[in-house]
């Protein structure tokens, strides 16, 4: 039986590579994208399906869930990949705690944290119909509390993106605990510092490399791990 998989923010970057790699493994992949035209274009190129999905808009999320229900009747894998590092026209200087712009921080959290809650909760009814449901949250080792507590760590100072991903990793644990009894596996992954629009293509890894950890956790068996935080080399420190 085909695995039905939704990847949010998948019309470009790491999300697109996750979609491509899972499709190559035989998954029926649905690309979630805010822009219908961009989503359809990516889907046509990858031979997948697409759905309009703005993770910050509950109405859009509800419509996407209804569309998936009508098309497939269930969901086996949800990859919460959609994220923003900064709103358009801003830079990381807007996120230093001592000078932070609150609207900037709220915008980041709306996508990176609250958007994950909105999407996950809307799709839980479909995931519960799966024989082996899995949720993968794309976080960041740059948001590791252990790493940020190290004075020698070469990490940017950020009151927006970094804490939003720290919160996402913590949220992953809460979902894992909440859903463990239902057999829904929930894990967080770090793609590494990849060259994407998120960082102005400054990263040293490719999106294809960044997709590896998410693809691995999206394909674990029903008895696989839950409540973990990993990259493609192993466990990431909390």
Protein backbone atom coordinates (compact mmCIF):
# COMPACT_ATOMS: atom_id res chain seq x y z
CA UNK A 1 0.00 0.00 0.00
CA UNK A 2 1.34 3.44 -0.96
CA UNK A 3 2.39 5.79 1.79
CA UNK A 4 0.47 9.07 1.63
CA UNK A 5 2.81 11.88 2.66
CA UNK A 6 2.34 15.64 3.03
CA UNK A 7 5.37 17.92 3.11
CA UNK A 8 4.68 21.55 4.01
CA UNK A 9 6.65 24.34 2.36
CA UNK A 10 7.73 21.86 -0.30
CA UNK A 11 7.77 23.84 -3.54
CA UNK A 12 11.46 24.71 -3.05
CA UNK A 13 14.55 24.11 -0.95
CA UNK A 14 14.81 21.31 1.57
CA UNK A 15 11.07 20.64 1.46
CA UNK A 16 11.20 20.02 -2.27
CA UNK A 17 14.10 17.61 -1.79
CA UNK A 18 12.25 15.75 0.96
CA UNK A 19 9.30 15.44 -1.38
CA UNK A 20 11.50 14.26 -4.26
CA UNK A 21 13.33 11.65 -2.19
CA UNK A 22 10.17 10.26 -0.65
CA UNK A 23 8.50 10.10 -4.06
CA UNK A 24 11.52 8.16 -5.34
CA UNK A 25 10.92 5.68 -2.51
CA UNK A 26 7.37 5.13 -3.70
CA UNK A 27 5.45 7.49 -1.47
CA UNK A 28 2.44 9.33 -2.84
CA UNK A 29 3.67 12.80 -1.96
CA UNK A 30 1.57 15.92 -1.63
CA UNK A 31 3.44 19.22 -1.82
CA UNK A 32 2.01 21.85 0.50
CA UNK A 33 2.62 25.38 -0.79
CA UNK A 34 1.15 28.81 -0.07
CA UNK A 35 1.17 29.68 -3.77
CA UNK A 36 -1.00 27.35 -5.85
CA UNK A 37 0.95 27.99 -9.07
CA UNK A 38 4.34 27.31 -7.48
CA UNK A 39 3.03 24.19 -5.77
CA UNK A 40 1.54 22.84 -8.98
CA UNK A 41 4.74 23.61 -10.90
CA UNK A 42 6.88 21.72 -8.39
CA UNK A 43 4.42 18.83 -8.34
CA UNK A 44 4.46 18.60 -12.14
CA UNK A 45 8.25 18.52 -12.16
CA UNK A 46 8.44 15.86 -9.44
CA UNK A 47 5.45 13.79 -10.51
CA UNK A 48 3.64 14.38 -7.22
CA UNK A 49 0.40 15.96 -6.02
CA UNK A 50 0.00 19.41 -4.49
CA UNK A 51 -2.35 21.32 -2.22
CA UNK A 52 -2.60 24.99 -1.30
CA UNK A 53 -1.47 25.30 2.30
CA UNK A 54 -0.59 28.42 4.27
CA UNK A 55 0.36 27.14 7.72
CA UNK A 56 -0.42 30.53 9.28
CA UNK A 57 -4.01 30.55 7.99
CA UNK A 58 -6.38 28.16 9.83
CA UNK A 59 -8.90 28.35 6.97
CA UNK A 60 -6.23 27.34 4.45
CA UNK A 61 -5.10 24.49 6.70
CA UNK A 62 -8.68 23.26 7.15
CA UNK A 63 -9.27 23.36 3.39
CA UNK A 64 -6.07 21.42 2.76
CA UNK A 65 -7.08 18.78 5.33
CA UNK A 66 -10.48 18.45 3.67
CA UNK A 67 -8.85 18.09 0.25
CA UNK A 68 -6.53 15.34 1.50
CA UNK A 69 -9.45 13.57 3.12
CA UNK A 70 -11.40 13.65 -0.15
CA UNK A 71 -8.45 12.55 -2.29
CA UNK A 72 -6.88 9.89 -0.09
CA UNK A 73 -8.95 9.34 3.04
CA UNK A 74 -5.89 9.11 5.28
CA UNK A 75 -2.36 10.41 5.85
CA UNK A 76 0.62 8.24 6.73
CA UNK A 77 3.36 10.85 7.07
CA UNK A 78 3.31 14.56 7.90
CA UNK A 79 6.54 16.48 7.45
CA UNK A 80 6.29 19.93 9.05
CA UNK A 81 8.97 21.66 7.01
CA UNK A 82 7.57 25.15 6.30
CA UNK A 83 9.59 27.81 8.11
CA UNK A 84 10.81 31.39 7.93
CA UNK A 85 14.06 32.82 9.29
CA UNK A 86 13.03 36.45 9.01
CA UNK A 87 10.18 38.46 7.49
CA UNK A 88 10.93 40.14 4.14
CA UNK A 89 12.95 43.31 4.52
CA UNK A 90 14.48 42.37 7.88
CA UNK A 91 17.71 40.72 8.96
CA UNK A 92 19.03 39.00 12.05
CA UNK A 93 19.86 42.38 13.59
CA UNK A 94 16.11 42.76 14.11
CA UNK A 95 16.21 39.66 16.29
CA UNK A 96 18.84 40.55 18.90
CA UNK A 97 17.00 40.25 22.23
CA UNK A 98 18.08 43.72 23.37
CA UNK A 99 16.69 45.42 20.27
CA UNK A 100 14.13 42.90 19.01
CA UNK A 101 11.17 44.00 16.95
CA UNK A 102 8.17 42.20 18.45
CA UNK A 103 6.24 42.02 15.19
CA UNK A 104 9.23 40.28 13.60
CA UNK A 105 9.33 37.71 16.40
CA UNK A 106 5.58 37.11 16.21
CA UNK A 107 5.74 36.57 12.45
CA UNK A 108 8.47 33.96 12.85
CA UNK A 109 6.66 32.10 15.62
CA UNK A 110 3.39 32.13 13.66
CA UNK A 111 5.01 29.98 10.98
CA UNK A 112 7.66 27.98 12.83
CA UNK A 113 5.70 27.11 15.97
CA UNK A 114 1.99 27.93 15.84
CA UNK A 115 1.79 26.84 12.21
CA UNK A 116 3.04 23.39 13.18
CA UNK A 117 0.37 23.11 15.86
CA UNK A 118 -2.34 24.24 13.44
CA UNK A 119 -1.33 21.82 10.70
CA UNK A 120 -0.66 18.86 12.97
CA UNK A 121 -3.95 19.13 14.83
CA UNK A 122 -5.94 19.55 11.62
CA UNK A 123 -4.36 16.40 10.15
CA UNK A 124 -4.44 14.15 13.21
CA UNK A 125 -7.82 12.65 12.19
CA UNK A 126 -6.24 11.53 8.89
CA UNK A 127 -3.06 10.29 10.59
CA UNK A 128 -5.15 8.21 12.98
CA UNK A 129 -6.45 6.25 9.97
CA UNK A 130 -2.92 5.16 9.06
CA UNK A 131 -1.44 1.79 9.99
CA UNK A 132 1.92 3.46 10.69
CA UNK A 133 1.51 7.22 11.26
CA UNK A 134 4.61 9.41 11.51
CA UNK A 135 5.17 13.11 12.10
CA UNK A 136 8.53 14.70 11.32
CA UNK A 137 9.26 18.26 12.47
CA UNK A 138 12.16 20.01 10.76
CA UNK A 139 14.01 21.85 13.52
CA UNK A 140 17.64 23.02 13.80
CA UNK A 141 20.69 22.02 15.81
CA UNK A 142 21.41 25.76 15.93
CA UNK A 143 18.49 25.93 18.36
CA UNK A 144 19.97 23.30 20.67
CA UNK A 145 20.01 24.64 24.23
CA UNK A 146 23.18 22.64 24.86
CA UNK A 147 24.97 24.28 21.95
CA UNK A 148 23.70 27.77 22.75
CA UNK A 149 24.88 27.43 26.34
CA UNK A 150 28.43 26.85 25.10
CA UNK A 151 30.31 30.20 25.07
CA UNK A 152 32.56 28.86 22.33
CA UNK A 153 29.69 28.06 19.97
CA UNK A 154 29.72 30.13 16.80
CA UNK A 155 25.98 30.70 16.57
CA UNK A 156 24.03 33.83 15.59
CA UNK A 157 22.20 35.68 18.35
CA UNK A 158 18.49 35.48 17.62
CA UNK A 159 15.37 36.07 19.70
CA UNK A 160 13.19 34.92 16.81
CA UNK A 161 14.31 32.07 14.58
CA UNK A 162 16.44 30.24 17.14
CA UNK A 163 13.88 30.23 19.99
CA UNK A 164 11.12 29.31 17.53
CA UNK A 165 13.05 26.17 16.61
CA UNK A 166 13.91 25.46 20.25
CA UNK A 167 10.18 25.67 20.97
CA UNK A 168 9.46 23.36 18.03
CA UNK A 169 11.85 20.74 19.37
CA UNK A 170 10.18 20.95 22.77
CA UNK A 171 6.78 20.76 21.10
CA UNK A 172 7.91 17.59 19.34
CA UNK A 173 8.50 15.95 22.70
CA UNK A 174 5.07 17.00 23.94
CA UNK A 175 3.36 15.55 20.86
CA UNK A 176 5.42 12.36 21.20
CA UNK A 177 4.29 11.96 24.80
CA UNK A 178 0.69 12.85 23.99
CA UNK A 179 0.37 10.50 21.00
CA UNK A 180 2.59 7.61 22.13
CA UNK A 181 -0.41 5.54 23.20
CA UNK A 182 -1.91 5.85 19.71
CA UNK A 183 1.23 4.64 17.97
CA UNK A 184 1.88 7.98 16.24
CA UNK A 185 5.64 8.49 16.05
CA UNK A 186 6.78 12.11 16.38
CA UNK A 187 10.39 13.13 15.87
CA UNK A 188 12.43 16.27 15.19
CA UNK A 189 15.26 16.47 12.67
CA UNK A 190 18.01 18.91 11.80
CA UNK A 191 18.89 19.28 8.10
CA UNK A 192 22.15 21.10 8.76
CA UNK A 193 23.21 24.45 7.33
CA UNK A 194 21.92 24.13 3.77
CA UNK A 195 22.07 26.65 0.95
CA UNK A 196 18.44 27.76 0.58
CA UNK A 197 16.38 30.94 0.30
CA UNK A 198 16.02 30.81 4.10
CA UNK A 199 19.63 31.92 4.57
CA UNK A 200 20.30 33.63 1.25
CA UNK A 201 22.00 30.45 0.00
CA UNK A 202 24.85 30.91 2.47
CA UNK A 203 24.76 27.32 3.71
CA UNK A 204 27.50 24.81 2.93
CA UNK A 205 25.23 21.75 2.52
CA UNK A 206 22.91 21.05 -0.37
CA UNK A 207 19.12 20.76 0.06
CA UNK A 208 19.46 17.12 -1.01
CA UNK A 209 21.83 16.50 1.90
CA UNK A 210 19.50 18.40 4.20
CA UNK A 211 16.59 16.15 3.31
CA UNK A 212 18.29 12.93 4.41
CA UNK A 213 17.39 13.01 8.11
CA UNK A 214 13.76 13.91 7.45
CA UNK A 215 13.40 11.16 4.84
CA UNK A 216 14.92 8.63 7.21
CA UNK A 217 12.51 9.51 10.02
CA UNK A 218 9.58 9.62 7.60
CA UNK A 219 10.23 5.99 6.69
CA UNK A 220 10.81 4.39 10.09
CA UNK A 221 8.74 1.27 10.89
CA UNK A 222 5.80 1.27 13.33
CA UNK A 223 8.09 0.12 16.13
CA UNK A 224 10.55 2.94 15.40
CA UNK A 225 11.63 5.70 17.77
CA UNK A 226 9.52 8.60 18.95
CA UNK A 227 10.47 11.77 20.80
CA UNK A 228 13.96 12.02 19.31
CA UNK A 229 16.00 14.87 17.81
CA UNK A 230 18.45 13.71 15.13
CA UNK A 231 20.42 14.74 12.10
CA UNK A 232 21.89 12.50 9.40
CA UNK A 233 24.75 11.50 11.72
CA UNK A 234 22.76 10.65 14.84
CA UNK A 235 21.34 12.28 17.96
CA UNK A 236 21.41 16.08 18.29
CA UNK A 237 21.95 17.45 21.82
CA UNK A 238 18.85 19.03 23.31
